[in-house]
Amino acid sequence: MIEIILAVIILALLGYLVWTTHEWKLERKTLINAILAKTPEQLRDLNLADKVVIQTAPPNAQSDLMPIAEMSEDEFDTHIKEQLENG
């Protein structure tokens, strides 16, 4: 029974340590932004820039597009009919 209590206490201490480290990093980032900013507007902009997440677009898959110059009349007609049927 005492082992369970000690394990819970140790896990709680580890959780507290991780949380304080995370909060310390956030405070440090805010302090650096405050030092770099010369006006309150710049501080606001720097804080907003930290929240921005850059999203990378997935690579485009090869589409079934073909230049019209490379198509024959029959191929062009079949593609047009397929497009009209599929919407």
PDB file of N, CA and C in Angstrom:
ATOM      1  N   MET A   1       0.813  -1.191   0.000  1.00  0.00           N
ATOM      2  CA  MET A   1       0.000   0.000   0.000  1.00  0.00           C
ATOM      3  C   MET A   1       0.863   1.265   0.000  1.00  0.00           C
ATOM      4  N   ILE A   2       1.930   1.219   0.757  1.00  0.00           N
ATOM      5  CA  ILE A   2       2.800   2.394   0.840  1.00  0.00           C
ATOM      6  C   ILE A   2       3.527   2.619  -0.492  1.00  0.00           C
ATOM      7  N   GLU A   3       3.779   1.528  -1.227  1.00  0.00           N
ATOM      8  CA  GLU A   3       4.429   1.682  -2.526  1.00  0.00           C
ATOM      9  C   GLU A   3       3.536   2.451  -3.493  1.00  0.00           C
ATOM     10  N   ILE A   4       2.238   2.201  -3.448  1.00  0.00           N
ATOM     11  CA  ILE A   4       1.300   2.894  -4.332  1.00  0.00           C
ATOM     12  C   ILE A   4       1.269   4.381  -3.987  1.00  0.00           C
ATOM     13  N   ILE A   5       1.255   4.689  -2.694  1.00  0.00           N
ATOM     14  CA  ILE A   5       1.240   6.090  -2.270  1.00  0.00           C
ATOM     15  C   ILE A   5       2.519   6.791  -2.705  1.00  0.00           C
ATOM     16  N   LEU A   6       3.657   6.129  -2.543  1.00  0.00           N
ATOM     17  CA  LEU A   6       4.927   6.725  -2.973  1.00  0.00           C
ATOM     18  C   LEU A   6       4.969   6.901  -4.488  1.00  0.00           C
ATOM     19  N   ALA A   7       4.445   5.943  -5.219  1.00  0.00           N
ATOM     20  CA  ALA A   7       4.423   6.054  -6.678  1.00  0.00           C
ATOM     21  C   ALA A   7       3.566   7.233  -7.114  1.00  0.00           C
ATOM     22  N   VAL A   8       2.420   7.419  -6.461  1.00  0.00           N
ATOM     23  CA  VAL A   8       1.555   8.549  -6.793  1.00  0.00           C
ATOM     24  C   VAL A   8       2.250   9.866  -6.468  1.00  0.00           C
ATOM     25  N   ILE A   9       2.929   9.931  -5.349  1.00  0.00           N
ATOM     26  CA  ILE A   9       3.645  11.152  -4.973  1.00  0.00           C
ATOM     27  C   ILE A   9       4.765  11.447  -5.967  1.00  0.00           C
ATOM     28  N   ILE A  10       5.494  10.426  -6.364  1.00  0.00           N
ATOM     29  CA  ILE A  10       6.591  10.615  -7.323  1.00  0.00           C
ATOM     30  C   ILE A  10       6.047  11.065  -8.671  1.00  0.00           C
ATOM     31  N   LEU A  11       4.948  10.455  -9.147  1.00  0.00           N
ATOM     32  CA  LEU A  11       4.353  10.875 -10.414  1.00  0.00           C
ATOM     33  C   LEU A  11       3.832  12.309 -10.339  1.00  0.00           C
ATOM     34  N   ALA A  12       3.268  12.672  -9.195  1.00  0.00           N
ATOM     35  CA  ALA A  12       2.793  14.044  -9.030  1.00  0.00           C
ATOM     36  C   ALA A  12       3.965  15.028  -9.058  1.00  0.00           C
ATOM     37  N   LEU A  13       5.065  14.683  -8.434  1.00  0.00           N
ATOM     38  CA  LEU A  13       6.246  15.558  -8.453  1.00  0.00           C
ATOM     39  C   LEU A  13       6.827  15.679  -9.858  1.00  0.00           C
ATOM     40  N   LEU A  14       6.854  14.574 -10.590  1.00  0.00           N
ATOM     41  CA  LEU A  14       7.343  14.627 -11.963  1.00  0.00           C
ATOM     42  C   LEU A  14       6.424  15.483 -12.837  1.00  0.00           C
ATOM     43  N   GLY A  15       5.122  15.341 -12.650  1.00  0.00           N
ATOM     44  CA  GLY A  15       4.172  16.169 -13.396  1.00  0.00           C
ATOM     45  C   GLY A  15       4.347  17.638 -13.086  1.00  0.00           C
ATOM     46  N   TYR A  16       4.552  17.951 -11.813  1.00  0.00           N
ATOM     47  CA  TYR A  16       4.779  19.337 -11.405  1.00  0.00           C
ATOM     48  C   TYR A  16       6.073  19.879 -12.015  1.00  0.00           C
ATOM     49  N   LEU A  17       7.104  19.067 -12.064  1.00  0.00           N
ATOM     50  CA  LEU A  17       8.374  19.482 -12.649  1.00  0.00           C
ATOM     51  C   LEU A  17       8.214  19.783 -14.135  1.00  0.00           C
ATOM     52  N   VAL A  18       7.503  18.928 -14.849  1.00  0.00           N
ATOM     53  CA  VAL A  18       7.285  19.151 -16.282  1.00  0.00           C
ATOM     54  C   VAL A  18       6.457  20.406 -16.497  1.00  0.00           C
ATOM     55  N   TRP A  19       5.422  20.600 -15.689  1.00  0.00           N
ATOM     56  CA  TRP A  19       4.559  21.773 -15.833  1.00  0.00           C
ATOM     57  C   TRP A  19       5.334  23.062 -15.559  1.00  0.00           C
ATOM     58  N   THR A  20       6.151  23.086 -14.517  1.00  0.00           N
ATOM     59  CA  THR A  20       6.914  24.300 -14.206  1.00  0.00           C
ATOM     60  C   THR A  20       7.949  24.595 -15.289  1.00  0.00           C
ATOM     61  N   THR A  21       8.538  23.558 -15.847  1.00  0.00           N
ATOM     62  CA  THR A  21       9.493  23.759 -16.944  1.00  0.00           C
ATOM     63  C   THR A  21       8.791  24.365 -18.153  1.00  0.00           C
ATOM     64  N   HIS A  22       7.597  23.864 -18.470  1.00  0.00           N
ATOM     65  CA  HIS A  22       6.831  24.393 -19.597  1.00  0.00           C
ATOM     66  C   HIS A  22       6.461  25.853 -19.354  1.00  0.00           C
ATOM     67  N   GLU A  23       5.982  26.163 -18.167  1.00  0.00           N
ATOM     68  CA  GLU A  23       5.619  27.538 -17.832  1.00  0.00           C
ATOM     69  C   GLU A  23       6.839  28.453 -17.860  1.00  0.00           C
ATOM     70  N   TRP A  24       7.987  27.951 -17.418  1.00  0.00           N
ATOM     71  CA  TRP A  24       9.209  28.746 -17.433  1.00  0.00           C
ATOM     72  C   TRP A  24       9.613  29.092 -18.864  1.00  0.00           C
ATOM     73  N   LYS A  25       9.456  28.132 -19.770  1.00  0.00           N
ATOM     74  CA  LYS A  25       9.786  28.395 -21.176  1.00  0.00           C
ATOM     75  C   LYS A  25       8.854  29.442 -21.768  1.00  0.00           C
ATOM     76  N   LEU A  26       7.562  29.384 -21.418  1.00  0.00           N
ATOM     77  CA  LEU A  26       6.622  30.391 -21.912  1.00  0.00           C
ATOM     78  C   LEU A  26       6.968  31.773 -21.379  1.00  0.00           C
ATOM     79  N   GLU A  27       7.307  31.857 -20.105  1.00  0.00           N
ATOM     80  CA  GLU A  27       7.692  33.147 -19.522  1.00  0.00           C
ATOM     81  C   GLU A  27       8.975  33.678 -20.147  1.00  0.00           C
ATOM     82  N   ARG A  28       9.892  32.802 -20.425  1.00  0.00           N
ATOM     83  CA  ARG A  28      11.154  33.199 -21.049  1.00  0.00           C
ATOM     84  C   ARG A  28      10.908  33.742 -22.451  1.00  0.00           C
ATOM     85  N   LYS A  29      10.013  33.068 -23.202  1.00  0.00           N
ATOM     86  CA  LYS A  29       9.685  33.519 -24.549  1.00  0.00           C
ATOM     87  C   LYS A  29       9.025  34.895 -24.505  1.00  0.00           C
ATOM     88  N   THR A  30       8.134  35.107 -23.524  1.00  0.00           N
ATOM     89  CA  THR A  30       7.473  36.402 -23.378  1.00  0.00           C
ATOM     90  C   THR A  30       8.479  37.480 -22.995  1.00  0.00           C
ATOM     91  N   LEU A  31       9.415  37.154 -22.127  1.00  0.00           N
ATOM     92  CA  LEU A  31      10.439  38.116 -21.727  1.00  0.00           C
ATOM     93  C   LEU A  31      11.322  38.511 -22.909  1.00  0.00           C
ATOM     94  N   ILE A  32      11.711  37.547 -23.712  1.00  0.00           N
ATOM     95  CA  ILE A  32      12.535  37.846 -24.894  1.00  0.00           C
ATOM     96  C   ILE A  32      11.768  38.729 -25.859  1.00  0.00           C
ATOM     97  N   ASN A  33      10.470  38.437 -26.070  1.00  0.00           N
ATOM     98  CA  ASN A  33       9.660  39.277 -26.946  1.00  0.00           C
ATOM     99  C   ASN A  33       9.543  40.691 -26.392  1.00  0.00           C
ATOM    100  N   ALA A  34       9.412  40.809 -25.081  1.00  0.00           N
ATOM    101  CA  ALA A  34       9.305  42.136 -24.465  1.00  0.00           C
ATOM    102  C   ALA A  34      10.602  42.914 -24.605  1.00  0.00           C
ATOM    103  N   ILE A  35      11.723  42.229 -24.528  1.00  0.00           N
ATOM    104  CA  ILE A  35      13.013  42.910 -24.687  1.00  0.00           C
ATOM    105  C   ILE A  35      13.196  43.360 -26.129  1.00  0.00           C
ATOM    106  N   LEU A  36      12.767  42.527 -27.087  1.00  0.00           N
ATOM    107  CA  LEU A  36      12.942  42.866 -28.499  1.00  0.00           C
ATOM    108  C   LEU A  36      11.991  43.967 -28.956  1.00  0.00           C
ATOM    109  N   ALA A  37      10.799  44.023 -28.378  1.00  0.00           N
ATOM    110  CA  ALA A  37       9.792  44.989 -28.822  1.00  0.00           C
ATOM    111  C   ALA A  37      10.098  46.377 -28.284  1.00  0.00           C
ATOM    112  N   LYS A  38       9.829  47.361 -29.132  1.00  0.00           N
ATOM    113  CA  LYS A  38      10.037  48.743 -28.718  1.00  0.00           C
ATOM    114  C   LYS A  38       8.724  49.419 -28.369  1.00  0.00           C
ATOM    115  N   THR A  39       7.636  48.880 -28.887  1.00  0.00           N
ATOM    116  CA  THR A  39       6.318  49.445 -28.602  1.00  0.00           C
ATOM    117  C   THR A  39       5.376  48.307 -28.208  1.00  0.00           C
ATOM    118  N   PRO A  40       4.266  48.648 -27.575  1.00  0.00           N
ATOM    119  CA  PRO A  40       3.292  47.603 -27.231  1.00  0.00           C
ATOM    120  C   PRO A  40       2.732  46.885 -28.462  1.00  0.00           C
ATOM    121  N   GLU A  41       2.643  47.598 -29.581  1.00  0.00           N
ATOM    122  CA  GLU A  41       2.150  46.975 -30.808  1.00  0.00           C
ATOM    123  C   GLU A  41       3.126  45.905 -31.307  1.00  0.00           C
ATOM    124  N   GLN A  42       4.410  46.202 -31.215  1.00  0.00           N
ATOM    125  CA  GLN A  42       5.407  45.205 -31.624  1.00  0.00           C
ATOM    126  C   GLN A  42       5.372  43.995 -30.705  1.00  0.00           C
ATOM    127  N   LEU A  43       5.154  44.210 -29.426  1.00  0.00           N
ATOM    128  CA  LEU A  43       5.045  43.088 -28.486  1.00  0.00           C
ATOM    129  C   LEU A  43       3.846  42.224 -28.836  1.00  0.00           C
ATOM    130  N   ARG A  44       2.731  42.870 -29.143  1.00  0.00           N
ATOM    131  CA  ARG A  44       1.543  42.122 -29.548  1.00  0.00           C
ATOM    132  C   ARG A  44       1.817  41.312 -30.817  1.00  0.00           C
ATOM    133  N   ASP A  45       2.494  41.935 -31.797  1.00  0.00           N
ATOM    134  CA  ASP A  45       2.799  41.246 -33.044  1.00  0.00           C
ATOM    135  C   ASP A  45       3.736  40.066 -32.816  1.00  0.00           C
ATOM    136  N   LEU A  46       4.733  40.240 -31.951  1.00  0.00           N
ATOM    137  CA  LEU A  46       5.652  39.144 -31.668  1.00  0.00           C
ATOM    138  C   LEU A  46       4.943  37.990 -30.955  1.00  0.00           C
ATOM    139  N   ASN A  47       4.041  38.321 -30.037  1.00  0.00           N
ATOM    140  CA  ASN A  47       3.288  37.266 -29.358  1.00  0.00           C
ATOM    141  C   ASN A  47       2.377  36.528 -30.326  1.00  0.00           C
ATOM    142  N   LEU A  48       1.774  37.248 -31.254  1.00  0.00           N
ATOM    143  CA  LEU A  48       0.928  36.594 -32.256  1.00  0.00           C
ATOM    144  C   LEU A  48       1.763  35.743 -33.204  1.00  0.00           C
ATOM    145  N   ALA A  49       2.968  36.198 -33.527  1.00  0.00           N
ATOM    146  CA  ALA A  49       3.829  35.435 -34.434  1.00  0.00           C
ATOM    147  C   ALA A  49       4.258  34.113 -33.802  1.00  0.00           C
ATOM    148  N   ASP A  50       4.374  34.076 -32.478  1.00  0.00           N
ATOM    149  CA  ASP A  50       4.743  32.829 -31.813  1.00  0.00           C
ATOM    150  C   ASP A  50       3.626  31.800 -31.882  1.00  0.00           C
ATOM    151  N   LYS A  51       2.387  32.264 -32.009  1.00  0.00           N
ATOM    152  CA  LYS A  51       1.246  31.351 -32.038  1.00  0.00           C
ATOM    153  C   LYS A  51       0.969  30.782 -33.419  1.00  0.00           C
ATOM    154  N   VAL A  52       1.582  31.352 -34.446  1.00  0.00           N
ATOM    155  CA  VAL A  52       1.331  30.921 -35.812  1.00  0.00           C
ATOM    156  C   VAL A  52       1.977  29.564 -36.059  1.00  0.00           C
ATOM    157  N   VAL A  53       1.209  28.675 -36.651  1.00  0.00           N
ATOM    158  CA  VAL A  53       1.715  27.351 -37.013  1.00  0.00           C
ATOM    159  C   VAL A  53       1.821  27.295 -38.524  1.00  0.00           C
ATOM    160  N   ILE A  54       2.993  26.989 -39.005  1.00  0.00           N
ATOM    161  CA  ILE A  54       3.214  26.912 -40.440  1.00  0.00           C
ATOM    162  C   ILE A  54       2.718  25.562 -40.931  1.00  0.00           C
ATOM    163  N   GLN A  55       1.821  25.597 -41.885  1.00  0.00           N
ATOM    164  CA  GLN A  55       1.286  24.365 -42.445  1.00  0.00           C
ATOM    165  C   GLN A  55       1.937  24.127 -43.798  1.00  0.00           C
ATOM    166  N   THR A  56       2.463  22.950 -43.960  1.00  0.00           N
ATOM    167  CA  THR A  56       3.048  22.603 -45.239  1.00  0.00           C
ATOM    168  C   THR A  56       1.998  21.872 -46.054  1.00  0.00           C
ATOM    169  N   ALA A  57       1.883  22.254 -47.284  1.00  0.00           N
ATOM    170  CA  ALA A  57       0.900  21.628 -48.164  1.00  0.00           C
ATOM    171  C   ALA A  57       1.429  20.258 -48.603  1.00  0.00           C
ATOM    172  N   PRO A  58       0.563  19.282 -48.692  1.00  0.00           N
ATOM    173  CA  PRO A  58       1.014  17.978 -49.169  1.00  0.00           C
ATOM    174  C   PRO A  58       1.425  18.075 -50.635  1.00  0.00           C
ATOM    175  N   PRO A  59       2.366  17.261 -51.029  1.00  0.00           N
ATOM    176  CA  PRO A  59       2.792  17.331 -52.429  1.00  0.00           C
ATOM    177  C   PRO A  59       1.627  16.975 -53.345  1.00  0.00           C
ATOM    178  N   ASN A  60       1.547  17.709 -54.430  1.00  0.00           N
ATOM    179  CA  ASN A  60       0.451  17.474 -55.375  1.00  0.00           C
ATOM    180  C   ASN A  60       0.631  16.138 -56.077  1.00  0.00           C
ATOM    181  N   ALA A  61      -0.428  15.387 -56.098  1.00  0.00           N
ATOM    182  CA  ALA A  61      -0.392  14.112 -56.815  1.00  0.00           C
ATOM    183  C   ALA A  61      -0.503  14.397 -58.305  1.00  0.00           C
ATOM    184  N   GLN A  62       0.026  13.511 -59.080  1.00  0.00           N
ATOM    185  CA  GLN A  62      -0.063  13.669 -60.525  1.00  0.00           C
ATOM    186  C   GLN A  62      -1.520  13.624 -60.932  1.00  0.00           C
ATOM    187  N   SER A  63      -1.951  14.637 -61.606  1.00  0.00           N
ATOM    188  CA  SER A  63      -3.335  14.669 -62.051  1.00  0.00           C
ATOM    189  C   SER A  63      -3.439  14.048 -63.435  1.00  0.00           C
ATOM    190  N   ASP A  64      -4.653  13.866 -63.842  1.00  0.00           N
ATOM    191  CA  ASP A  64      -4.880  13.251 -65.150  1.00  0.00           C
ATOM    192  C   ASP A  64      -5.004  14.313 -66.233  1.00  0.00           C
ATOM    193  N   LEU A  65      -4.475  15.506 -65.968  1.00  0.00           N
ATOM    194  CA  LEU A  65      -4.521  16.570 -66.957  1.00  0.00           C
ATOM    195  C   LEU A  65      -3.511  16.307 -68.064  1.00  0.00           C
ATOM    196  N   MET A  66      -3.926  16.615 -69.270  1.00  0.00           N
ATOM    197  CA  MET A  66      -3.067  16.414 -70.433  1.00  0.00           C
ATOM    198  C   MET A  66      -3.231  17.637 -71.326  1.00  0.00           C
ATOM    199  N   PRO A  67      -2.138  18.168 -71.846  1.00  0.00           N
ATOM    200  CA  PRO A  67      -2.269  19.317 -72.746  1.00  0.00           C
ATOM    201  C   PRO A  67      -3.119  18.966 -73.963  1.00  0.00           C
ATOM    202  N   ILE A  68      -3.923  19.929 -74.378  1.00  0.00           N
ATOM    203  CA  ILE A  68      -4.817  19.687 -75.516  1.00  0.00           C
ATOM    204  C   ILE A  68      -4.019  19.414 -76.786  1.00  0.00           C
ATOM    205  N   ALA A  69      -2.847  20.008 -76.892  1.00  0.00           N
ATOM    206  CA  ALA A  69      -2.044  19.828 -78.101  1.00  0.00           C
ATOM    207  C   ALA A  69      -1.603  18.376 -78.268  1.00  0.00           C
ATOM    208  N   GLU A  70      -1.507  17.631 -77.168  1.00  0.00           N
ATOM    209  CA  GLU A  70      -1.064  16.242 -77.249  1.00  0.00           C
ATOM    210  C   GLU A  70      -2.217  15.259 -77.474  1.00  0.00           C
ATOM    211  N   MET A  71      -3.450  15.743 -77.466  1.00  0.00           N
ATOM    212  CA  MET A  71      -4.608  14.869 -77.635  1.00  0.00           C
ATOM    213  C   MET A  71      -5.058  14.844 -79.086  1.00  0.00           C
ATOM    214  N   SER A  72      -5.557  13.697 -79.429  1.00  0.00           N
ATOM    215  CA  SER A  72      -6.192  13.610 -80.746  1.00  0.00           C
ATOM    216  C   SER A  72      -7.640  14.065 -80.594  1.00  0.00           C
ATOM    217  N   GLU A  73      -8.341  14.209 -81.722  1.00  0.00           N
ATOM    218  CA  GLU A  73      -9.735  14.653 -81.675  1.00  0.00           C
ATOM    219  C   GLU A  73     -10.608  13.662 -80.922  1.00  0.00           C
ATOM    220  N   ASP A  74     -10.348  12.363 -81.136  1.00  0.00           N
ATOM    221  CA  ASP A  74     -11.168  11.344 -80.472  1.00  0.00           C
ATOM    222  C   ASP A  74     -10.937  11.353 -78.958  1.00  0.00           C
ATOM    223  N   GLU A  75      -9.680  11.473 -78.533  1.00  0.00           N
ATOM    224  CA  GLU A  75      -9.379  11.528 -77.109  1.00  0.00           C
ATOM    225  C   GLU A  75     -10.016  12.762 -76.467  1.00  0.00           C
ATOM    226  N   PHE A  76      -9.959  13.890 -77.178  1.00  0.00           N
ATOM    227  CA  PHE A  76     -10.544  15.116 -76.670  1.00  0.00           C
ATOM    228  C   PHE A  76     -12.053  14.948 -76.485  1.00  0.00           C
ATOM    229  N   ASP A  77     -12.693  14.350 -77.483  1.00  0.00           N
ATOM    230  CA  ASP A  77     -14.136  14.138 -77.394  1.00  0.00           C
ATOM    231  C   ASP A  77     -14.497  13.222 -76.231  1.00  0.00           C
ATOM    232  N   THR A  78     -13.725  12.146 -76.031  1.00  0.00           N
ATOM    233  CA  THR A  78     -14.039  11.232 -74.930  1.00  0.00           C
ATOM    234  C   THR A  78     -13.849  11.907 -73.577  1.00  0.00           C
ATOM    235  N   HIS A  79     -12.813  12.735 -73.444  1.00  0.00           N
ATOM    236  CA  HIS A  79     -12.597  13.456 -72.182  1.00  0.00           C
ATOM    237  C   HIS A  79     -13.729  14.453 -71.916  1.00  0.00           C
ATOM    238  N   ILE A  80     -14.164  15.129 -72.949  1.00  0.00           N
ATOM    239  CA  ILE A  80     -15.272  16.077 -72.785  1.00  0.00           C
ATOM    240  C   ILE A  80     -16.537  15.339 -72.368  1.00  0.00           C
ATOM    241  N   LYS A  81     -16.817  14.198 -72.993  1.00  0.00           N
ATOM    242  CA  LYS A  81     -18.005  13.424 -72.638  1.00  0.00           C
ATOM    243  C   LYS A  81     -17.923  12.913 -71.206  1.00  0.00           C
ATOM    244  N   GLU A  82     -16.729  12.477 -70.759  1.00  0.00           N
ATOM    245  CA  GLU A  82     -16.544  12.021 -69.385  1.00  0.00           C
ATOM    246  C   GLU A  82     -16.790  13.154 -68.393  1.00  0.00           C
ATOM    247  N   GLN A  83     -16.280  14.334 -68.721  1.00  0.00           N
ATOM    248  CA  GLN A  83     -16.478  15.485 -67.846  1.00  0.00           C
ATOM    249  C   GLN A  83     -17.946  15.870 -67.745  1.00  0.00           C
ATOM    250  N   LEU A  84     -18.655  15.794 -68.852  1.00  0.00           N
ATOM    251  CA  LEU A  84     -20.068  16.142 -68.842  1.00  0.00           C
ATOM    252  C   LEU A  84     -20.876  15.115 -68.051  1.00  0.00           C
ATOM    253  N   GLU A  85     -20.486  13.847 -68.141  1.00  0.00           N
ATOM    254  CA  GLU A  85     -21.205  12.794 -67.418  1.00  0.00           C
ATOM    255  C   GLU A  85     -20.919  12.878 -65.912  1.00  0.00           C
ATOM    256  N   ASN A  86     -19.660  13.137 -65.560  1.00  0.00           N
ATOM    257  CA  ASN A  86     -19.272  13.173 -64.146  1.00  0.00           C
ATOM    258  C   ASN A  86     -19.626  14.473 -63.464  1.00  0.00           C
ATOM    259  N   GLY A  87     -19.840  15.492 -64.221  1.00  0.00           N
ATOM    260  CA  GLY A  87     -20.247  16.779 -63.627  1.00  0.00           C
ATOM    261  C   GLY A  87     -19.145  17.644 -63.305  1.00  0.00           C
TER     262      GLY A  87
END
